[in-house]
Amino acid sequence: MPKLRGLIVDDVEAIREALKEILESDEEIEIVGMAANGQDAVKQASELQPDFITMDLQMPDMNGLQATREILNAHSIPILIIADAQDDELIFKALTLGASEVIVKSDLSPDKAEHLIQKIKEVVKS
């Protein structure tokens, strides 16, 4: 069975690396790209055609809302928003744009890794 191919988008390198480690701990997931801003995310989404994207909302250059809008206008790729809990308004806007799921950054701990992996698999397979 082919692996689920993911693109991680976050301006903080430590978060990108942590997400990659968590997600690739599952043998069915492979991270094929990482982007530090929305512009790079849009470019990589077109080039790599991943099965899913994890998207930070607050980034320099192009934020996650703008990137989500551009990606979903061009591709049908499930986008999981990775957000701070206090970003209620941005989370609502992202879901309105068509984001598939919201994960709160505090849920990115290793003990909650299985929950995150299951959400990704559910979103990709639905």
N, C-alpha and C. Protein backbone atom coordinates (compact mmCIF):
# COMPACT_ATOMS: atom_id res chain seq x y z
N MET A 1 0.85 -1.19 0.00
CA MET A 1 0.00 0.00 0.00
C MET A 1 0.89 1.25 0.00
N PRO A 2 0.62 2.21 -0.89
CA PRO A 2 1.45 3.42 -0.92
C PRO A 2 1.25 4.25 0.35
N LYS A 3 2.31 4.93 0.73
CA LYS A 3 2.25 5.77 1.92
C LYS A 3 1.46 7.04 1.65
N LEU A 4 0.88 7.61 2.71
CA LEU A 4 0.23 8.92 2.62
C LEU A 4 1.33 9.96 2.61
N ARG A 5 1.33 10.81 1.59
CA ARG A 5 2.39 11.79 1.40
C ARG A 5 1.95 13.14 1.96
N GLY A 6 2.75 13.71 2.87
CA GLY A 6 2.37 14.94 3.53
C GLY A 6 3.32 16.10 3.30
N LEU A 7 2.76 17.30 3.39
CA LEU A 7 3.51 18.55 3.34
C LEU A 7 3.26 19.27 4.66
N ILE A 8 4.33 19.65 5.35
CA ILE A 8 4.23 20.36 6.62
C ILE A 8 4.57 21.83 6.38
N VAL A 9 3.67 22.72 6.84
CA VAL A 9 3.87 24.16 6.66
C VAL A 9 3.83 24.84 8.02
N ASP A 10 4.96 25.43 8.43
CA ASP A 10 5.05 26.18 9.69
C ASP A 10 6.31 27.01 9.62
N ASP A 11 6.23 28.24 10.13
CA ASP A 11 7.41 29.10 10.08
C ASP A 11 8.44 28.77 11.16
N VAL A 12 8.09 27.94 12.12
CA VAL A 12 9.02 27.56 13.19
C VAL A 12 9.63 26.19 12.86
N GLU A 13 10.93 26.18 12.64
CA GLU A 13 11.60 24.95 12.24
C GLU A 13 11.41 23.83 13.26
N ALA A 14 11.46 24.16 14.55
CA ALA A 14 11.31 23.13 15.58
C ALA A 14 9.94 22.45 15.49
N ILE A 15 8.91 23.21 15.15
CA ILE A 15 7.57 22.62 15.01
C ILE A 15 7.51 21.75 13.75
N ARG A 16 8.11 22.22 12.66
CA ARG A 16 8.15 21.39 11.44
C ARG A 16 8.83 20.05 11.73
N GLU A 17 9.97 20.11 12.40
CA GLU A 17 10.73 18.90 12.70
C GLU A 17 9.96 17.97 13.64
N ALA A 18 9.31 18.56 14.66
CA ALA A 18 8.54 17.75 15.61
C ALA A 18 7.37 17.06 14.90
N LEU A 19 6.67 17.81 14.06
CA LEU A 19 5.56 17.23 13.31
C LEU A 19 6.05 16.10 12.40
N LYS A 20 7.17 16.33 11.74
CA LYS A 20 7.72 15.30 10.85
C LYS A 20 8.03 14.03 11.64
N GLU A 21 8.65 14.20 12.79
CA GLU A 21 9.00 13.04 13.61
C GLU A 21 7.75 12.29 14.07
N ILE A 22 6.75 13.04 14.53
CA ILE A 22 5.50 12.43 14.98
C ILE A 22 4.83 11.67 13.84
N LEU A 23 4.69 12.33 12.70
CA LEU A 23 3.95 11.73 11.59
C LEU A 23 4.67 10.55 10.96
N GLU A 24 5.99 10.66 10.83
CA GLU A 24 6.74 9.57 10.21
C GLU A 24 6.96 8.40 11.18
N SER A 25 6.51 8.55 12.42
CA SER A 25 6.57 7.41 13.34
C SER A 25 5.55 6.35 12.92
N ASP A 26 4.62 6.74 12.06
CA ASP A 26 3.65 5.81 11.50
C ASP A 26 4.16 5.33 10.14
N GLU A 27 4.20 4.03 9.96
CA GLU A 27 4.76 3.47 8.72
C GLU A 27 3.94 3.78 7.48
N GLU A 28 2.72 4.29 7.65
CA GLU A 28 1.88 4.61 6.49
C GLU A 28 2.01 6.06 6.03
N ILE A 29 2.86 6.86 6.72
CA ILE A 29 2.97 8.28 6.40
C ILE A 29 4.41 8.63 6.04
N GLU A 30 4.54 9.44 4.98
CA GLU A 30 5.84 9.94 4.53
C GLU A 30 5.71 11.45 4.32
N ILE A 31 6.63 12.21 4.88
CA ILE A 31 6.63 13.66 4.67
C ILE A 31 7.50 13.94 3.44
N VAL A 32 6.89 14.51 2.41
CA VAL A 32 7.58 14.74 1.15
C VAL A 32 8.05 16.19 0.99
N GLY A 33 7.59 17.09 1.89
CA GLY A 33 8.01 18.48 1.80
C GLY A 33 7.73 19.23 3.08
N MET A 34 8.52 20.30 3.28
CA MET A 34 8.30 21.19 4.41
C MET A 34 8.49 22.62 3.92
N ALA A 35 7.59 23.50 4.36
CA ALA A 35 7.62 24.90 3.93
C ALA A 35 7.56 25.80 5.15
N ALA A 36 8.26 26.95 5.06
CA ALA A 36 8.32 27.89 6.18
C ALA A 36 7.37 29.07 6.02
N ASN A 37 6.68 29.15 4.86
CA ASN A 37 5.71 30.24 4.67
C ASN A 37 4.67 29.81 3.63
N GLY A 38 3.63 30.60 3.53
CA GLY A 38 2.54 30.27 2.63
C GLY A 38 2.91 30.23 1.17
N GLN A 39 3.79 31.14 0.74
CA GLN A 39 4.19 31.16 -0.67
C GLN A 39 4.86 29.85 -1.06
N ASP A 40 5.78 29.40 -0.20
CA ASP A 40 6.46 28.14 -0.47
C ASP A 40 5.48 26.97 -0.42
N ALA A 41 4.50 27.05 0.48
CA ALA A 41 3.49 26.00 0.59
C ALA A 41 2.68 25.86 -0.69
N VAL A 42 2.27 26.98 -1.25
CA VAL A 42 1.49 26.97 -2.50
C VAL A 42 2.32 26.33 -3.62
N LYS A 43 3.57 26.73 -3.70
CA LYS A 43 4.46 26.20 -4.73
C LYS A 43 4.65 24.69 -4.56
N GLN A 44 4.97 24.27 -3.33
CA GLN A 44 5.21 22.84 -3.08
C GLN A 44 3.94 22.00 -3.25
N ALA A 45 2.79 22.56 -2.88
CA ALA A 45 1.54 21.82 -3.05
C ALA A 45 1.33 21.48 -4.52
N SER A 46 1.63 22.43 -5.41
CA SER A 46 1.49 22.18 -6.85
C SER A 46 2.52 21.18 -7.36
N GLU A 47 3.74 21.35 -6.91
CA GLU A 47 4.83 20.49 -7.40
C GLU A 47 4.74 19.06 -6.86
N LEU A 48 4.46 18.92 -5.56
CA LEU A 48 4.53 17.62 -4.91
C LEU A 48 3.22 16.85 -4.91
N GLN A 49 2.08 17.57 -5.05
CA GLN A 49 0.76 16.94 -5.01
C GLN A 49 0.64 15.98 -3.80
N PRO A 50 0.83 16.52 -2.58
CA PRO A 50 0.75 15.65 -1.40
C PRO A 50 -0.69 15.18 -1.15
N ASP A 51 -0.81 14.15 -0.31
CA ASP A 51 -2.13 13.63 0.06
C ASP A 51 -2.78 14.46 1.14
N PHE A 52 -1.95 15.19 1.92
CA PHE A 52 -2.46 16.08 2.96
C PHE A 52 -1.43 17.15 3.26
N ILE A 53 -1.91 18.24 3.88
CA ILE A 53 -1.04 19.35 4.28
C ILE A 53 -1.38 19.71 5.71
N THR A 54 -0.35 19.92 6.55
CA THR A 54 -0.58 20.54 7.85
C THR A 54 -0.17 22.00 7.69
N MET A 55 -1.03 22.92 8.11
CA MET A 55 -0.84 24.34 7.82
C MET A 55 -0.91 25.19 9.08
N ASP A 56 0.16 25.91 9.36
CA ASP A 56 0.16 26.92 10.42
C ASP A 56 -0.63 28.11 9.90
N LEU A 57 -1.22 28.88 10.80
CA LEU A 57 -1.99 30.05 10.36
C LEU A 57 -1.17 31.32 10.33
N GLN A 58 -0.35 31.52 11.34
CA GLN A 58 0.38 32.79 11.45
C GLN A 58 1.83 32.61 10.99
N MET A 59 2.10 33.13 9.78
CA MET A 59 3.44 33.03 9.18
C MET A 59 3.75 34.31 8.44
N PRO A 60 5.04 34.60 8.25
CA PRO A 60 5.41 35.78 7.47
C PRO A 60 5.15 35.58 5.97
N ASP A 61 5.24 36.64 5.22
CA ASP A 61 5.06 36.66 3.76
C ASP A 61 3.62 36.37 3.36
N MET A 62 3.20 35.11 3.43
CA MET A 62 1.82 34.74 3.14
C MET A 62 1.34 33.87 4.28
N ASN A 63 0.26 34.29 4.95
CA ASN A 63 -0.20 33.52 6.11
C ASN A 63 -0.94 32.25 5.68
N GLY A 64 -1.29 31.44 6.65
CA GLY A 64 -1.93 30.17 6.38
C GLY A 64 -3.30 30.28 5.74
N LEU A 65 -4.04 31.35 6.07
CA LEU A 65 -5.35 31.55 5.43
C LEU A 65 -5.21 31.79 3.94
N GLN A 66 -4.30 32.68 3.58
CA GLN A 66 -4.09 32.97 2.16
C GLN A 66 -3.60 31.72 1.42
N ALA A 67 -2.66 31.00 2.04
CA ALA A 67 -2.13 29.79 1.40
C ALA A 67 -3.22 28.74 1.25
N THR A 68 -4.04 28.57 2.29
CA THR A 68 -5.14 27.60 2.22
C THR A 68 -6.08 27.94 1.08
N ARG A 69 -6.43 29.22 0.97
CA ARG A 69 -7.33 29.67 -0.11
C ARG A 69 -6.73 29.33 -1.47
N GLU A 70 -5.47 29.70 -1.68
CA GLU A 70 -4.84 29.47 -2.99
C GLU A 70 -4.72 27.98 -3.32
N ILE A 71 -4.32 27.19 -2.33
CA ILE A 71 -4.15 25.75 -2.57
C ILE A 71 -5.49 25.11 -2.89
N LEU A 72 -6.51 25.41 -2.10
CA LEU A 72 -7.82 24.77 -2.32
C LEU A 72 -8.51 25.26 -3.59
N ASN A 73 -8.16 26.45 -4.07
CA ASN A 73 -8.70 26.92 -5.35
C ASN A 73 -8.13 26.13 -6.52
N ALA A 74 -6.91 25.58 -6.33
CA ALA A 74 -6.24 24.88 -7.41
C ALA A 74 -6.24 23.36 -7.27
N HIS A 75 -6.35 22.87 -6.04
CA HIS A 75 -6.20 21.43 -5.78
C HIS A 75 -7.22 20.97 -4.74
N SER A 76 -7.49 19.70 -4.76
CA SER A 76 -8.35 19.10 -3.75
C SER A 76 -7.48 18.31 -2.78
N ILE A 77 -6.76 19.04 -1.93
CA ILE A 77 -5.84 18.42 -0.97
C ILE A 77 -6.37 18.72 0.43
N PRO A 78 -6.60 17.70 1.26
CA PRO A 78 -7.04 17.98 2.62
C PRO A 78 -5.99 18.79 3.38
N ILE A 79 -6.44 19.85 4.04
CA ILE A 79 -5.55 20.71 4.81
C ILE A 79 -5.98 20.66 6.27
N LEU A 80 -5.03 20.31 7.13
CA LEU A 80 -5.26 20.29 8.56
C LEU A 80 -4.58 21.51 9.15
N ILE A 81 -5.34 22.37 9.75
CA ILE A 81 -4.82 23.60 10.34
C ILE A 81 -4.19 23.27 11.70
N ILE A 82 -2.97 23.72 11.90
CA ILE A 82 -2.28 23.58 13.18
C ILE A 82 -2.26 24.98 13.78
N ALA A 83 -3.03 25.20 14.85
CA ALA A 83 -3.26 26.56 15.35
C ALA A 83 -3.06 26.66 16.85
N ASP A 84 -2.79 27.88 17.28
CA ASP A 84 -2.78 28.18 18.70
C ASP A 84 -4.24 28.25 19.15
N ALA A 85 -4.49 27.85 20.37
CA ALA A 85 -5.87 27.79 20.88
C ALA A 85 -6.58 29.14 20.82
N GLN A 86 -5.84 30.24 20.96
CA GLN A 86 -6.48 31.55 20.99
C GLN A 86 -6.80 32.10 19.59
N ASP A 87 -6.53 31.37 18.55
CA ASP A 87 -6.76 31.83 17.18
C ASP A 87 -8.18 31.53 16.69
N ASP A 88 -9.19 31.67 17.56
CA ASP A 88 -10.56 31.29 17.21
C ASP A 88 -11.06 31.87 15.89
N GLU A 89 -10.86 33.16 15.70
CA GLU A 89 -11.35 33.82 14.48
C GLU A 89 -10.65 33.26 13.24
N LEU A 90 -9.33 33.09 13.31
CA LEU A 90 -8.59 32.54 12.18
C LEU A 90 -8.99 31.09 11.90
N ILE A 91 -9.21 30.31 12.96
CA ILE A 91 -9.64 28.93 12.80
C ILE A 91 -10.98 28.87 12.08
N PHE A 92 -11.91 29.71 12.50
CA PHE A 92 -13.23 29.76 11.85
C PHE A 92 -13.08 30.11 10.36
N LYS A 93 -12.25 31.11 10.06
CA LYS A 93 -12.05 31.50 8.65
C LYS A 93 -11.44 30.35 7.85
N ALA A 94 -10.48 29.65 8.44
CA ALA A 94 -9.83 28.53 7.74
C ALA A 94 -10.84 27.43 7.43
N LEU A 95 -11.69 27.12 8.39
CA LEU A 95 -12.72 26.09 8.16
C LEU A 95 -13.72 26.55 7.10
N THR A 96 -14.04 27.83 7.11
CA THR A 96 -14.94 28.39 6.10
C THR A 96 -14.34 28.28 4.70
N LEU A 97 -13.02 28.42 4.60
CA LEU A 97 -12.33 28.30 3.31
C LEU A 97 -12.28 26.86 2.81
N GLY A 98 -12.50 25.91 3.71
CA GLY A 98 -12.49 24.52 3.29
C GLY A 98 -11.45 23.64 3.96
N ALA A 99 -10.76 24.16 4.98
CA ALA A 99 -9.82 23.32 5.72
C ALA A 99 -10.58 22.14 6.30
N SER A 100 -9.94 20.99 6.35
CA SER A 100 -10.60 19.76 6.76
C SER A 100 -10.70 19.56 8.26
N GLU A 101 -9.72 20.05 9.00
CA GLU A 101 -9.61 19.74 10.41
C GLU A 101 -8.74 20.79 11.09
N VAL A 102 -8.91 20.95 12.39
CA VAL A 102 -8.07 21.86 13.17
C VAL A 102 -7.42 21.07 14.31
N ILE A 103 -6.12 21.22 14.44
CA ILE A 103 -5.36 20.61 15.51
C ILE A 103 -4.76 21.76 16.32
N VAL A 104 -4.94 21.73 17.63
CA VAL A 104 -4.37 22.77 18.48
C VAL A 104 -2.91 22.40 18.77
N LYS A 105 -2.03 23.40 18.69
CA LYS A 105 -0.60 23.13 18.85
C LYS A 105 -0.27 22.42 20.15
N SER A 106 -1.04 22.67 21.19
CA SER A 106 -0.78 21.99 22.46
C SER A 106 -1.04 20.48 22.36
N ASP A 107 -1.72 20.04 21.29
CA ASP A 107 -1.96 18.61 21.07
C ASP A 107 -0.85 17.94 20.27
N LEU A 108 0.26 18.63 20.07
CA LEU A 108 1.35 18.06 19.28
C LEU A 108 2.37 17.33 20.13
N SER A 109 2.03 17.00 21.34
CA SER A 109 2.97 16.29 22.21
C SER A 109 3.06 14.82 21.78
N PRO A 110 4.20 14.19 22.06
CA PRO A 110 4.37 12.78 21.66
C PRO A 110 3.29 11.85 22.21
N ASP A 111 2.77 12.14 23.41
CA ASP A 111 1.74 11.27 23.97
C ASP A 111 0.41 11.39 23.24
N LYS A 112 0.25 12.43 22.43
CA LYS A 112 -0.98 12.59 21.64
C LYS A 112 -0.74 12.32 20.15
N ALA A 113 0.41 11.75 19.85
CA ALA A 113 0.80 11.52 18.45
C ALA A 113 -0.20 10.62 17.73
N GLU A 114 -0.64 9.56 18.39
CA GLU A 114 -1.55 8.62 17.73
C GLU A 114 -2.86 9.29 17.35
N HIS A 115 -3.33 10.21 18.19
CA HIS A 115 -4.56 10.95 17.91
C HIS A 115 -4.40 11.78 16.64
N LEU A 116 -3.27 12.47 16.52
CA LEU A 116 -2.98 13.30 15.34
C LEU A 116 -2.90 12.43 14.09
N ILE A 117 -2.21 11.33 14.18
CA ILE A 117 -2.05 10.42 13.04
C ILE A 117 -3.42 9.89 12.59
N GLN A 118 -4.25 9.51 13.54
CA GLN A 118 -5.59 9.00 13.20
C GLN A 118 -6.42 10.07 12.51
N LYS A 119 -6.34 11.33 13.00
CA LYS A 119 -7.09 12.42 12.35
C LYS A 119 -6.65 12.58 10.90
N ILE A 120 -5.36 12.54 10.67
CA ILE A 120 -4.84 12.68 9.30
C ILE A 120 -5.37 11.56 8.42
N LYS A 121 -5.30 10.34 8.90
CA LYS A 121 -5.78 9.20 8.10
C LYS A 121 -7.27 9.32 7.81
N GLU A 122 -8.05 9.76 8.79
CA GLU A 122 -9.49 9.94 8.58
C GLU A 122 -9.77 11.00 7.52
N VAL A 123 -9.06 12.11 7.60
CA VAL A 123 -9.28 13.22 6.66
C VAL A 123 -8.88 12.82 5.25
N VAL A 124 -7.76 12.12 5.10
CA VAL A 124 -7.30 11.74 3.77
C VAL A 124 -8.23 10.70 3.14
N LYS A 125 -8.71 9.80 3.94
CA LYS A 125 -9.54 8.69 3.40
C LYS A 125 -11.00 9.08 3.23
N SER A 126 -11.40 10.25 3.75
CA SER A 126 -12.82 10.62 3.62
C SER A 126 -13.10 11.34 2.32
